Amino acid sequence: MRKLNIALSVVVGGFFLYLAFRNVNFSDVSACFRQANYLLVIPTLALIYFYCMVRAYRWGFIYRPGAVPSYAHRFSAILIGIMANNVLPAKLGEIARAFVIGKKDGIGIGRSFGTIILERVFDFIALIFTLIVIAILNPIERKMILDSGSRSAFIFTIGGFVAILVALFLLKFFTEFFVKVAKAIIGVFSKKFSEKTGELLISFAEGLKPLDDPVNALKIIGVSVFLWSIQGVIAWLLLLAFSVNIGFLSSWFVVVVMILGCVLPPSPAGIGTTQLVAVLILSAYGVKSAPALGFSIMYNFLGVAFLTTLGWYYMVKESIKFSEMIVADGKESK
């Protein structure tokens, strides 16, 4: 199954790269890199590191009210997970994050993985809030969202999100019933896998405890919105580096759409998907493909090169072996 995921992600990334570059002159993209202002990359790197620090801080809230891993281990796990996501397909770095916390703080992979899923839910809540705020303040983004084609995609995304929320609600407040139904369905195909699924779901439900405290949940949402704003500043600086000045709010909107576009289908580090989405969304602002590609390539490069290097450093620092994380993923997938 893992080999199929890898093959699919490479094909998807390659196809999207082809679509992004097919009508572009490579010399134009090269010229954009020659003329770019690389001084703006320095504060961008600092912001990327700060972004990871804030993510580690937020993760502590998501573990409450149970045992909370140390900040140092949360920070290491996030960077190691990002590194794994950059070199492996299908978001396998999330398993790596849970494995690191399990090894360093003794917290079960199931519970940690539950907090990671919940983290994504809060990310999406903050993302929707961010899109709404930008749409209220900026007419061009409001027009994009209300456009017939974009509106359909937006409604589809919201629908999928609501379905996930319903599943989480059932698992949280009707755990026994939810687990029983899931085991019955999966048991038709495999009794052994049915029992394993039941154990994982019960452990996963433990990771949903932050929902018991509304104040804690609001803190998580507030920090999540702040994280999206950091991403907005990063995009704004990198766009300025390539002489694209569409304003901070629009830059914020662009990076939100880019990240959302990379959720599905998966590709290693979002390469290919990021380029295509950047070209499409920036064209709405009258930005040509060459600078849009320059910006998206630099955005990918910094995320891959800088964060992967940091991830490898912290993996060595925490005495984690890459092979251990692969084995943990295999066990989690069985």
C-alpha atoms as a PDB file:
ATOM      1  CA  MET A   1       0.000   0.000   0.000  1.00  0.00           C
ATOM      2  CA  ARG A   2       2.869   2.351   0.846  1.00  0.00           C
ATOM      3  CA  LYS A   3       4.453   1.768  -2.575  1.00  0.00           C
ATOM      4  CA  LEU A   4       1.141   2.628  -4.232  1.00  0.00           C
ATOM      5  CA  ASN A   5       0.926   5.864  -2.202  1.00  0.00           C
ATOM      6  CA  ILE A   6       4.458   6.823  -3.220  1.00  0.00           C
ATOM      7  CA  ALA A   7       3.802   6.083  -6.903  1.00  0.00           C
ATOM      8  CA  LEU A   8       0.503   7.995  -6.853  1.00  0.00           C
ATOM      9  CA  SER A   9       2.020  11.030  -5.137  1.00  0.00           C
ATOM     10  CA  VAL A  10       4.936  11.196  -7.586  1.00  0.00           C
ATOM     11  CA  VAL A  11       2.592  10.925 -10.570  1.00  0.00           C
ATOM     12  CA  VAL A  12       0.268  13.591  -9.157  1.00  0.00           C
ATOM     13  CA  GLY A  13       3.134  15.974  -8.351  1.00  0.00           C
ATOM     14  CA  GLY A  14       4.714  15.460 -11.777  1.00  0.00           C
ATOM     15  CA  PHE A  15       1.425  15.995 -13.615  1.00  0.00           C
ATOM     16  CA  PHE A  16       0.696  19.214 -11.727  1.00  0.00           C
ATOM     17  CA  LEU A  17       4.216  20.465 -12.403  1.00  0.00           C
ATOM     18  CA  TYR A  18       3.614  19.843 -16.104  1.00  0.00           C
ATOM     19  CA  LEU A  19       0.346  21.805 -15.974  1.00  0.00           C
ATOM     20  CA  ALA A  20       2.022  24.690 -14.126  1.00  0.00           C
ATOM     21  CA  PHE A  21       4.980  24.946 -16.543  1.00  0.00           C
ATOM     22  CA  ARG A  22       3.450  23.932 -19.860  1.00  0.00           C
ATOM     23  CA  ASN A  23       2.878  27.466 -21.197  1.00  0.00           C
ATOM     24  CA  VAL A  24       5.825  29.124 -19.459  1.00  0.00           C
ATOM     25  CA  ASN A  25       9.181  30.141 -20.881  1.00  0.00           C
ATOM     26  CA  PHE A  26      11.896  28.819 -18.536  1.00  0.00           C
ATOM     27  CA  SER A  27      14.098  31.828 -19.294  1.00  0.00           C
ATOM     28  CA  ASP A  28      11.389  34.086 -17.827  1.00  0.00           C
ATOM     29  CA  VAL A  29      11.346  32.082 -14.592  1.00  0.00           C
ATOM     30  CA  SER A  30      15.154  32.165 -14.495  1.00  0.00           C
ATOM     31  CA  ALA A  31      15.084  35.951 -14.935  1.00  0.00           C
ATOM     32  CA  CYS A  32      12.715  36.255 -11.962  1.00  0.00           C
ATOM     33  CA  PHE A  33      15.219  34.413  -9.773  1.00  0.00           C
ATOM     34  CA  ARG A  34      18.095  36.593 -10.969  1.00  0.00           C
ATOM     35  CA  GLN A  35      16.161  39.759 -10.162  1.00  0.00           C
ATOM     36  CA  ALA A  36      14.699  38.548  -6.830  1.00  0.00           C
ATOM     37  CA  ASN A  37      15.452  40.392  -3.585  1.00  0.00           C
ATOM     38  CA  TYR A  38      17.065  37.660  -1.477  1.00  0.00           C
ATOM     39  CA  LEU A  39      17.435  39.928   1.553  1.00  0.00           C
ATOM     40  CA  LEU A  40      13.749  39.284   2.220  1.00  0.00           C
ATOM     41  CA  VAL A  41      14.503  35.583   2.598  1.00  0.00           C
ATOM     42  CA  ILE A  42      16.282  36.178   5.925  1.00  0.00           C
ATOM     43  CA  PRO A  43      13.222  37.392   7.885  1.00  0.00           C
ATOM     44  CA  THR A  44      11.211  34.695   6.097  1.00  0.00           C
ATOM     45  CA  LEU A  45      13.447  31.968   7.541  1.00  0.00           C
ATOM     46  CA  ALA A  46      13.078  33.500  11.005  1.00  0.00           C
ATOM     47  CA  LEU A  47       9.286  33.514  10.609  1.00  0.00           C
ATOM     48  CA  ILE A  48       9.247  29.875   9.474  1.00  0.00           C
ATOM     49  CA  TYR A  49      11.161  28.892  12.612  1.00  0.00           C
ATOM     50  CA  PHE A  50       8.856  31.050  14.766  1.00  0.00           C
ATOM     51  CA  TYR A  51       5.841  29.412  13.116  1.00  0.00           C
ATOM     52  CA  CYS A  52       7.087  25.977  14.247  1.00  0.00           C
ATOM     53  CA  MET A  53       7.640  27.317  17.765  1.00  0.00           C
ATOM     54  CA  VAL A  54       4.042  28.563  17.938  1.00  0.00           C
ATOM     55  CA  ARG A  55       2.738  25.227  16.593  1.00  0.00           C
ATOM     56  CA  ALA A  56       4.559  23.433  19.411  1.00  0.00           C
ATOM     57  CA  TYR A  57       3.045  25.884  21.903  1.00  0.00           C
ATOM     58  CA  ARG A  58      -0.474  25.253  20.546  1.00  0.00           C
ATOM     59  CA  TRP A  59      -0.010  21.483  20.610  1.00  0.00           C
ATOM     60  CA  GLY A  60       0.314  21.687  24.394  1.00  0.00           C
ATOM     61  CA  PHE A  61      -3.235  23.078  24.646  1.00  0.00           C
ATOM     62  CA  ILE A  62      -4.539  20.247  22.455  1.00  0.00           C
ATOM     63  CA  TYR A  63      -3.133  17.612  24.845  1.00  0.00           C
ATOM     64  CA  ARG A  64      -5.035  19.044  27.798  1.00  0.00           C
ATOM     65  CA  PRO A  65      -6.495  18.041  30.229  1.00  0.00           C
ATOM     66  CA  GLY A  66      -4.370  14.861  30.176  1.00  0.00           C
ATOM     67  CA  ALA A  67      -0.617  14.482  30.300  1.00  0.00           C
ATOM     68  CA  VAL A  68       1.176  17.086  28.180  1.00  0.00           C
ATOM     69  CA  PRO A  69       4.554  16.273  26.572  1.00  0.00           C
ATOM     70  CA  SER A  70       7.387  18.716  27.251  1.00  0.00           C
ATOM     71  CA  TYR A  71       7.644  21.736  24.968  1.00  0.00           C
ATOM     72  CA  ALA A  72      11.097  20.631  23.794  1.00  0.00           C
ATOM     73  CA  HIS A  73       9.781  17.244  22.699  1.00  0.00           C
ATOM     74  CA  ARG A  74       6.725  18.770  21.032  1.00  0.00           C
ATOM     75  CA  PHE A  75       8.954  21.140  19.087  1.00  0.00           C
ATOM     76  CA  SER A  76      11.304  18.328  18.056  1.00  0.00           C
ATOM     77  CA  ALA A  77       8.374  16.104  17.038  1.00  0.00           C
ATOM     78  CA  ILE A  78       6.864  18.827  14.847  1.00  0.00           C
ATOM     79  CA  LEU A  79      10.133  19.430  12.981  1.00  0.00           C
ATOM     80  CA  ILE A  80      10.787  15.701  12.595  1.00  0.00           C
ATOM     81  CA  GLY A  81       7.229  15.247  11.339  1.00  0.00           C
ATOM     82  CA  ILE A  82       7.612  18.050   8.797  1.00  0.00           C
ATOM     83  CA  MET A  83      10.880  16.509   7.626  1.00  0.00           C
ATOM     84  CA  ALA A  84       9.163  13.127   7.203  1.00  0.00           C
ATOM     85  CA  ASN A  85       6.274  14.751   5.323  1.00  0.00           C
ATOM     86  CA  ASN A  86       8.804  16.417   3.009  1.00  0.00           C
ATOM     87  CA  VAL A  87      10.498  13.161   2.054  1.00  0.00           C
ATOM     88  CA  LEU A  88       7.546  10.777   2.298  1.00  0.00           C
ATOM     89  CA  PRO A  89       4.095  10.923   0.627  1.00  0.00           C
ATOM     90  CA  ALA A  90       0.574  10.823   2.064  1.00  0.00           C
ATOM     91  CA  LYS A  91       1.305  12.863   5.213  1.00  0.00           C
ATOM     92  CA  LEU A  92       3.176   9.955   6.847  1.00  0.00           C
ATOM     93  CA  GLY A  93       5.028  12.520   8.940  1.00  0.00           C
ATOM     94  CA  GLU A  94       1.997  12.723  11.219  1.00  0.00           C
ATOM     95  CA  ILE A  95       2.647   9.136  12.326  1.00  0.00           C
ATOM     96  CA  ALA A  96       6.276  10.150  12.862  1.00  0.00           C
ATOM     97  CA  ARG A  97       5.181  12.993  15.161  1.00  0.00           C
ATOM     98  CA  ALA A  98       3.078  10.655  17.274  1.00  0.00           C
ATOM     99  CA  PHE A  99       5.920   8.109  17.379  1.00  0.00           C
ATOM    100  CA  VAL A 100       8.440  10.693  18.643  1.00  0.00           C
ATOM    101  CA  ILE A 101       6.124  11.800  21.461  1.00  0.00           C
ATOM    102  CA  GLY A 102       5.441   8.175  22.346  1.00  0.00           C
ATOM    103  CA  LYS A 103       9.144   7.375  22.572  1.00  0.00           C
ATOM    104  CA  LYS A 104      10.186  10.526  24.449  1.00  0.00           C
ATOM    105  CA  ASP A 105       7.193  11.047  26.784  1.00  0.00           C
ATOM    106  CA  GLY A 106       5.510   7.632  26.864  1.00  0.00           C
ATOM    107  CA  ILE A 107       2.203   8.884  25.455  1.00  0.00           C
ATOM    108  CA  GLY A 108       0.438   6.352  23.218  1.00  0.00           C
ATOM    109  CA  ILE A 109       0.560   6.837  19.456  1.00  0.00           C
ATOM    110  CA  GLY A 110      -3.238   6.576  19.274  1.00  0.00           C
ATOM    111  CA  ARG A 111      -3.785   9.477  21.678  1.00  0.00           C
ATOM    112  CA  SER A 112      -1.088  11.609  20.052  1.00  0.00           C
ATOM    113  CA  PHE A 113      -2.472  10.892  16.605  1.00  0.00           C
ATOM    114  CA  GLY A 114      -5.897  11.933  17.917  1.00  0.00           C
ATOM    115  CA  THR A 115      -4.470  15.308  18.982  1.00  0.00           C
ATOM    116  CA  ILE A 116      -2.891  15.710  15.525  1.00  0.00           C
ATOM    117  CA  ILE A 117      -6.241  15.092  13.813  1.00  0.00           C
ATOM    118  CA  LEU A 118      -7.871  17.537  16.214  1.00  0.00           C
ATOM    119  CA  GLU A 119      -5.095  20.008  15.393  1.00  0.00           C
ATOM    120  CA  ARG A 120      -6.115  19.764  11.729  1.00  0.00           C
ATOM    121  CA  VAL A 121      -9.747  20.394  12.667  1.00  0.00           C
ATOM    122  CA  PHE A 122      -8.796  23.572  14.548  1.00  0.00           C
ATOM    123  CA  ASP A 123      -6.582  24.565  11.612  1.00  0.00           C
ATOM    124  CA  PHE A 124      -9.569  24.274   9.320  1.00  0.00           C
ATOM    125  CA  ILE A 125     -11.838  26.247  11.651  1.00  0.00           C
ATOM    126  CA  ALA A 126      -9.216  29.009  11.748  1.00  0.00           C
ATOM    127  CA  LEU A 127      -8.781  28.776   7.974  1.00  0.00           C
ATOM    128  CA  ILE A 128     -12.500  29.297   7.346  1.00  0.00           C
ATOM    129  CA  PHE A 129     -12.496  32.212   9.807  1.00  0.00           C
ATOM    130  CA  THR A 130      -9.482  33.689   8.008  1.00  0.00           C
ATOM    131  CA  LEU A 131     -11.145  33.392   4.596  1.00  0.00           C
ATOM    132  CA  ILE A 132     -14.296  35.057   5.905  1.00  0.00           C
ATOM    133  CA  VAL A 133     -12.358  37.951   7.481  1.00  0.00           C
ATOM    134  CA  ILE A 134     -10.329  38.536   4.300  1.00  0.00           C
ATOM    135  CA  ALA A 135     -13.475  38.343   2.164  1.00  0.00           C
ATOM    136  CA  ILE A 136     -15.172  40.955   4.362  1.00  0.00           C
ATOM    137  CA  LEU A 137     -12.187  43.324   4.215  1.00  0.00           C
ATOM    138  CA  ASN A 138     -11.137  42.836   0.570  1.00  0.00           C
ATOM    139  CA  PRO A 139     -13.636  42.935  -2.316  1.00  0.00           C
ATOM    140  CA  ILE A 140     -11.453  40.995  -4.795  1.00  0.00           C
ATOM    141  CA  GLU A 141     -11.279  37.938  -2.526  1.00  0.00           C
ATOM    142  CA  ARG A 142     -14.984  38.261  -1.745  1.00  0.00           C
ATOM    143  CA  LYS A 143     -15.701  38.148  -5.473  1.00  0.00           C
ATOM    144  CA  MET A 144     -13.477  35.056  -5.889  1.00  0.00           C
ATOM    145  CA  ILE A 145     -15.296  33.143  -3.149  1.00  0.00           C
ATOM    146  CA  LEU A 146     -18.737  34.122  -4.435  1.00  0.00           C
ATOM    147  CA  ASP A 147     -17.846  33.214  -8.036  1.00  0.00           C
ATOM    148  CA  SER A 148     -19.907  30.233  -9.235  1.00  0.00           C
ATOM    149  CA  GLY A 149     -16.946  27.875  -9.722  1.00  0.00           C
ATOM    150  CA  SER A 150     -15.179  28.861  -6.513  1.00  0.00           C
ATOM    151  CA  ARG A 151     -18.445  28.770  -4.586  1.00  0.00           C
ATOM    152  CA  SER A 152     -18.987  25.115  -5.542  1.00  0.00           C
ATOM    153  CA  ALA A 153     -15.484  24.180  -4.370  1.00  0.00           C
ATOM    154  CA  PHE A 154     -15.979  26.181  -1.180  1.00  0.00           C
ATOM    155  CA  ILE A 155     -19.316  24.467  -0.432  1.00  0.00           C
ATOM    156  CA  PHE A 156     -17.782  21.040  -1.169  1.00  0.00           C
ATOM    157  CA  THR A 157     -14.918  21.783   1.227  1.00  0.00           C
ATOM    158  CA  ILE A 158     -17.283  22.952   3.956  1.00  0.00           C
ATOM    159  CA  GLY A 159     -19.434  19.847   3.413  1.00  0.00           C
ATOM    160  CA  GLY A 160     -16.453  17.551   3.880  1.00  0.00           C
ATOM    161  CA  PHE A 161     -15.418  19.464   6.969  1.00  0.00           C
ATOM    162  CA  VAL A 162     -18.924  19.168   8.472  1.00  0.00           C
ATOM    163  CA  ALA A 163     -18.844  15.411   7.828  1.00  0.00           C
ATOM    164  CA  ILE A 164     -15.552  15.163   9.735  1.00  0.00           C
ATOM    165  CA  LEU A 165     -16.988  17.234  12.596  1.00  0.00           C
ATOM    166  CA  VAL A 166     -20.014  14.912  12.808  1.00  0.00           C
ATOM    167  CA  ALA A 167     -17.734  11.851  12.927  1.00  0.00           C
ATOM    168  CA  LEU A 168     -15.618  13.472  15.653  1.00  0.00           C
ATOM    169  CA  PHE A 169     -18.760  14.417  17.609  1.00  0.00           C
ATOM    170  CA  LEU A 170     -20.027  10.830  17.491  1.00  0.00           C
ATOM    171  CA  LEU A 171     -16.641   9.444  18.490  1.00  0.00           C
ATOM    172  CA  LYS A 172     -16.303  11.944  21.326  1.00  0.00           C
ATOM    173  CA  PHE A 173     -19.757  11.723  22.899  1.00  0.00           C
ATOM    174  CA  PHE A 174     -20.908   8.275  21.720  1.00  0.00           C
ATOM    175  CA  THR A 175     -17.587   6.455  21.778  1.00  0.00           C
ATOM    176  CA  GLU A 176     -18.927   3.000  22.611  1.00  0.00           C
ATOM    177  CA  PHE A 177     -21.621   3.164  19.912  1.00  0.00           C
ATOM    178  CA  PHE A 178     -19.224   4.580  17.289  1.00  0.00           C
ATOM    179  CA  VAL A 179     -16.584   1.923  18.006  1.00  0.00           C
ATOM    180  CA  LYS A 180     -19.174  -0.858  17.924  1.00  0.00           C
ATOM    181  CA  VAL A 181     -20.476   0.242  14.507  1.00  0.00           C
ATOM    182  CA  ALA A 182     -16.955   0.692  13.096  1.00  0.00           C
ATOM    183  CA  LYS A 183     -15.888  -2.747  14.327  1.00  0.00           C
ATOM    184  CA  ALA A 184     -19.018  -4.362  12.894  1.00  0.00           C
ATOM    185  CA  ILE A 185     -18.407  -2.826   9.461  1.00  0.00           C
ATOM    186  CA  ILE A 186     -14.693  -3.648   9.363  1.00  0.00           C
ATOM    187  CA  GLY A 187     -15.313  -7.092  10.894  1.00  0.00           C
ATOM    188  CA  VAL A 188     -17.062  -8.133   7.691  1.00  0.00           C
ATOM    189  CA  PHE A 189     -13.644  -8.013   6.003  1.00  0.00           C
ATOM    190  CA  SER A 190     -11.207  -8.781   8.848  1.00  0.00           C
ATOM    191  CA  LYS A 191     -11.865  -9.770  12.464  1.00  0.00           C
ATOM    192  CA  LYS A 192      -8.264  -9.033  13.487  1.00  0.00           C
ATOM    193  CA  PHE A 193      -8.253  -5.585  11.893  1.00  0.00           C
ATOM    194  CA  SER A 194     -11.668  -4.911  13.450  1.00  0.00           C
ATOM    195  CA  GLU A 195     -10.269  -5.422  16.966  1.00  0.00           C
ATOM    196  CA  LYS A 196      -7.218  -3.289  16.185  1.00  0.00           C
ATOM    197  CA  THR A 197      -9.457  -0.511  14.832  1.00  0.00           C
ATOM    198  CA  GLY A 198     -11.556  -0.585  17.995  1.00  0.00           C
ATOM    199  CA  GLU A 199      -8.470  -0.145  20.181  1.00  0.00           C
ATOM    200  CA  LEU A 200      -7.194   2.730  18.036  1.00  0.00           C
ATOM    201  CA  LEU A 201     -10.566   4.522  18.047  1.00  0.00           C
ATOM    202  CA  ILE A 202     -10.822   4.315  21.835  1.00  0.00           C
ATOM    203  CA  SER A 203      -7.283   5.684  22.159  1.00  0.00           C
ATOM    204  CA  PHE A 204      -8.085   8.303  19.514  1.00  0.00           C
ATOM    205  CA  ALA A 205     -11.161   9.403  21.489  1.00  0.00           C
ATOM    206  CA  GLU A 206      -8.817  10.176  24.398  1.00  0.00           C
ATOM    207  CA  GLY A 207      -7.180  12.781  22.166  1.00  0.00           C
ATOM    208  CA  LEU A 208     -10.470  14.663  21.853  1.00  0.00           C
ATOM    209  CA  LYS A 209     -10.600  15.719  25.514  1.00  0.00           C
ATOM    210  CA  PRO A 210      -9.727  19.382  24.753  1.00  0.00           C
ATOM    211  CA  LEU A 211     -13.291  19.684  23.421  1.00  0.00           C
ATOM    212  CA  ASP A 212     -14.513  19.324  27.024  1.00  0.00           C
ATOM    213  CA  ASP A 213     -13.165  22.792  27.883  1.00  0.00           C
ATOM    214  CA  PRO A 214     -14.630  25.614  25.720  1.00  0.00           C
ATOM    215  CA  VAL A 215     -12.076  28.149  27.017  1.00  0.00           C
ATOM    216  CA  ASN A 216      -9.186  25.880  26.063  1.00  0.00           C
ATOM    217  CA  ALA A 217     -10.787  25.293  22.646  1.00  0.00           C
ATOM    218  CA  LEU A 218     -11.046  29.070  22.066  1.00  0.00           C
ATOM    219  CA  LYS A 219      -7.370  29.459  22.962  1.00  0.00           C
ATOM    220  CA  ILE A 220      -6.481  26.827  20.370  1.00  0.00           C
ATOM    221  CA  ILE A 221      -8.568  28.607  17.723  1.00  0.00           C
ATOM    222  CA  GLY A 222      -6.963  31.955  18.590  1.00  0.00           C
ATOM    223  CA  VAL A 223      -3.438  30.556  18.274  1.00  0.00           C
ATOM    224  CA  SER A 224      -4.463  28.800  15.043  1.00  0.00           C
ATOM    225  CA  VAL A 225      -5.585  32.104  13.496  1.00  0.00           C
ATOM    226  CA  PHE A 226      -2.261  33.617  14.582  1.00  0.00           C
ATOM    227  CA  LEU A 227      -0.442  30.753  12.840  1.00  0.00           C
ATOM    228  CA  TRP A 228      -2.302  31.488   9.597  1.00  0.00           C
ATOM    229  CA  SER A 229      -1.345  35.162   9.924  1.00  0.00           C
ATOM    230  CA  ILE A 230       2.336  34.162  10.191  1.00  0.00           C
ATOM    231  CA  GLN A 231       1.904  32.214   6.965  1.00  0.00           C
ATOM    232  CA  GLY A 232       0.400  35.347   5.448  1.00  0.00           C
ATOM    233  CA  VAL A 233       3.457  37.425   6.352  1.00  0.00           C
ATOM    234  CA  ILE A 234       5.755  34.726   4.932  1.00  0.00           C
ATOM    235  CA  ALA A 235       3.855  34.740   1.627  1.00  0.00           C
ATOM    236  CA  TRP A 236       3.784  38.553   1.548  1.00  0.00           C
ATOM    237  CA  LEU A 237       7.569  38.785   1.994  1.00  0.00           C
ATOM    238  CA  LEU A 238       8.306  36.130  -0.629  1.00  0.00           C
ATOM    239  CA  LEU A 239       5.925  37.734  -3.108  1.00  0.00           C
ATOM    240  CA  LEU A 240       7.657  41.085  -2.557  1.00  0.00           C
ATOM    241  CA  ALA A 241      10.992  39.314  -3.131  1.00  0.00           C
ATOM    242  CA  PHE A 242       9.732  38.502  -6.640  1.00  0.00           C
ATOM    243  CA  SER A 243       8.366  42.032  -7.179  1.00  0.00           C
ATOM    244  CA  VAL A 244       4.743  40.968  -6.692  1.00  0.00           C
ATOM    245  CA  ASN A 245       2.923  43.483  -4.501  1.00  0.00           C
ATOM    246  CA  ILE A 246      -0.721  42.506  -4.089  1.00  0.00           C
ATOM    247  CA  GLY A 247      -0.983  43.624  -0.448  1.00  0.00           C
ATOM    248  CA  PHE A 248      -0.804  41.704   2.804  1.00  0.00           C
ATOM    249  CA  LEU A 249      -4.433  40.527   2.955  1.00  0.00           C
ATOM    250  CA  SER A 250      -4.303  39.218  -0.605  1.00  0.00           C
ATOM    251  CA  SER A 251      -0.966  37.511   0.095  1.00  0.00           C
ATOM    252  CA  TRP A 252      -2.571  35.914   3.147  1.00  0.00           C
ATOM    253  CA  PHE A 253      -5.466  34.707   0.988  1.00  0.00           C
ATOM    254  CA  VAL A 254      -3.072  33.288  -1.629  1.00  0.00           C
ATOM    255  CA  VAL A 255      -1.116  31.191   0.879  1.00  0.00           C
ATOM    256  CA  VAL A 256      -4.311  29.917   2.520  1.00  0.00           C
ATOM    257  CA  VAL A 257      -5.610  28.734  -0.865  1.00  0.00           C
ATOM    258  CA  MET A 258      -2.202  27.221  -1.707  1.00  0.00           C
ATOM    259  CA  ILE A 259      -2.078  25.236   1.535  1.00  0.00           C
ATOM    260  CA  LEU A 260      -5.692  24.165   1.158  1.00  0.00           C
ATOM    261  CA  GLY A 261      -4.975  23.047  -2.407  1.00  0.00           C
ATOM    262  CA  CYS A 262      -2.128  20.824  -1.171  1.00  0.00           C
ATOM    263  CA  VAL A 263      -4.329  18.816   1.193  1.00  0.00           C
ATOM    264  CA  LEU A 264      -5.593  16.510  -1.561  1.00  0.00           C
ATOM    265  CA  PRO A 265      -4.278  14.912  -3.636  1.00  0.00           C
ATOM    266  CA  PRO A 266      -1.012  14.409  -1.731  1.00  0.00           C
ATOM    267  CA  SER A 267       2.447  14.924  -3.206  1.00  0.00           C
ATOM    268  CA  PRO A 268       5.835  15.024  -1.429  1.00  0.00           C
ATOM    269  CA  ALA A 269       6.207  18.490   0.168  1.00  0.00           C
ATOM    270  CA  GLY A 270       3.308  19.685  -2.007  1.00  0.00           C
ATOM    271  CA  ILE A 271       5.658  20.031  -5.004  1.00  0.00           C
ATOM    272  CA  GLY A 272       3.677  20.399  -8.198  1.00  0.00           C
ATOM    273  CA  THR A 273       0.408  21.113  -6.424  1.00  0.00           C
ATOM    274  CA  THR A 274       1.838  24.299  -4.886  1.00  0.00           C
ATOM    275  CA  GLN A 275       3.094  25.546  -8.256  1.00  0.00           C
ATOM    276  CA  LEU A 276      -0.178  24.922 -10.087  1.00  0.00           C
ATOM    277  CA  VAL A 277      -2.361  26.479  -7.381  1.00  0.00           C
ATOM    278  CA  ALA A 278      -0.033  29.506  -7.129  1.00  0.00           C
ATOM    279  CA  VAL A 279      -0.169  30.113 -10.872  1.00  0.00           C
ATOM    280  CA  LEU A 280      -3.966  29.796 -10.931  1.00  0.00           C
ATOM    281  CA  ILE A 281      -4.719  31.960  -7.891  1.00  0.00           C
ATOM    282  CA  LEU A 282      -2.181  34.692  -8.669  1.00  0.00           C
ATOM    283  CA  SER A 283      -3.467  34.964 -12.236  1.00  0.00           C
ATOM    284  CA  ALA A 284      -6.656  36.380 -10.695  1.00  0.00           C
ATOM    285  CA  TYR A 285      -4.536  39.317  -9.480  1.00  0.00           C
ATOM    286  CA  GLY A 286      -3.001  39.819 -12.914  1.00  0.00           C
ATOM    287  CA  VAL A 287       0.315  38.217 -11.927  1.00  0.00           C
ATOM    288  CA  LYS A 288       2.105  36.438 -14.770  1.00  0.00           C
ATOM    289  CA  SER A 289       3.051  32.767 -14.510  1.00  0.00           C
ATOM    290  CA  ALA A 290       6.836  33.338 -14.298  1.00  0.00           C
ATOM    291  CA  PRO A 291       6.881  35.367 -11.034  1.00  0.00           C
ATOM    292  CA  ALA A 292       4.093  33.172  -9.645  1.00  0.00           C
ATOM    293  CA  LEU A 293       6.263  30.118 -10.271  1.00  0.00           C
ATOM    294  CA  GLY A 294       9.321  31.863  -8.860  1.00  0.00           C
ATOM    295  CA  PHE A 295       7.423  32.650  -5.660  1.00  0.00           C
ATOM    296  CA  SER A 296       5.972  29.123  -5.330  1.00  0.00           C
ATOM    297  CA  ILE A 297       9.322  27.441  -6.005  1.00  0.00           C
ATOM    298  CA  MET A 298      11.028  29.588  -3.361  1.00  0.00           C
ATOM    299  CA  TYR A 299       8.155  28.905  -0.940  1.00  0.00           C
ATOM    300  CA  ASN A 300       8.594  25.155  -1.506  1.00  0.00           C
ATOM    301  CA  PHE A 301      12.375  25.338  -1.383  1.00  0.00           C
ATOM    302  CA  LEU A 302      12.471  27.109   1.981  1.00  0.00           C
ATOM    303  CA  GLY A 303       9.914  24.722   3.444  1.00  0.00           C
ATOM    304  CA  VAL A 304      11.751  21.668   2.136  1.00  0.00           C
ATOM    305  CA  ALA A 305      15.421  22.649   2.491  1.00  0.00           C
ATOM    306  CA  PHE A 306      15.270  24.630   5.747  1.00  0.00           C
ATOM    307  CA  LEU A 307      12.706  22.543   7.631  1.00  0.00           C
ATOM    308  CA  THR A 308      14.009  19.203   6.384  1.00  0.00           C
ATOM    309  CA  THR A 309      17.494  20.152   7.561  1.00  0.00           C
ATOM    310  CA  LEU A 310      16.127  21.173  10.958  1.00  0.00           C
ATOM    311  CA  GLY A 311      14.083  17.958  11.112  1.00  0.00           C
ATOM    312  CA  TRP A 312      17.131  15.794  10.470  1.00  0.00           C
ATOM    313  CA  TYR A 313      19.057  17.744  13.122  1.00  0.00           C
ATOM    314  CA  TYR A 314      16.373  17.206  15.758  1.00  0.00           C
ATOM    315  CA  MET A 315      15.966  13.553  14.764  1.00  0.00           C
ATOM    316  CA  VAL A 316      19.664  13.014  15.511  1.00  0.00           C
ATOM    317  CA  LYS A 317      19.433  15.171  18.657  1.00  0.00           C
ATOM    318  CA  GLU A 318      16.536  13.086  20.007  1.00  0.00           C
ATOM    319  CA  SER A 319      18.248   9.794  19.010  1.00  0.00           C
ATOM    320  CA  ILE A 320      15.386   8.859  16.683  1.00  0.00           C
ATOM    321  CA  LYS A 321      16.081   6.529  13.783  1.00  0.00           C
ATOM    322  CA  PHE A 322      14.281   7.025  10.479  1.00  0.00           C
ATOM    323  CA  SER A 323      13.770   3.264  10.197  1.00  0.00           C
ATOM    324  CA  GLU A 324      11.913   3.274  13.543  1.00  0.00           C
ATOM    325  CA  MET A 325       9.378   5.785  12.211  1.00  0.00           C
ATOM    326  CA  ILE A 326       8.845   3.728   9.044  1.00  0.00           C
ATOM    327  CA  VAL A 327       8.189   0.637  11.169  1.00  0.00           C
ATOM    328  CA  ALA A 328       5.789   2.631  13.369  1.00  0.00           C
ATOM    329  CA  ASP A 329       3.889   3.736  10.264  1.00  0.00           C
ATOM    330  CA  GLY A 330       3.692   0.142   9.079  1.00  0.00           C
ATOM    331  CA  LYS A 331       2.305  -0.998  12.435  1.00  0.00           C
ATOM    332  CA  GLU A 332      -0.204   1.848  12.472  1.00  0.00           C
ATOM    333  CA  SER A 333      -1.392   0.939   8.972  1.00  0.00           C
ATOM    334  CA  LYS A 334      -2.028  -2.731   9.761  1.00  0.00           C
END
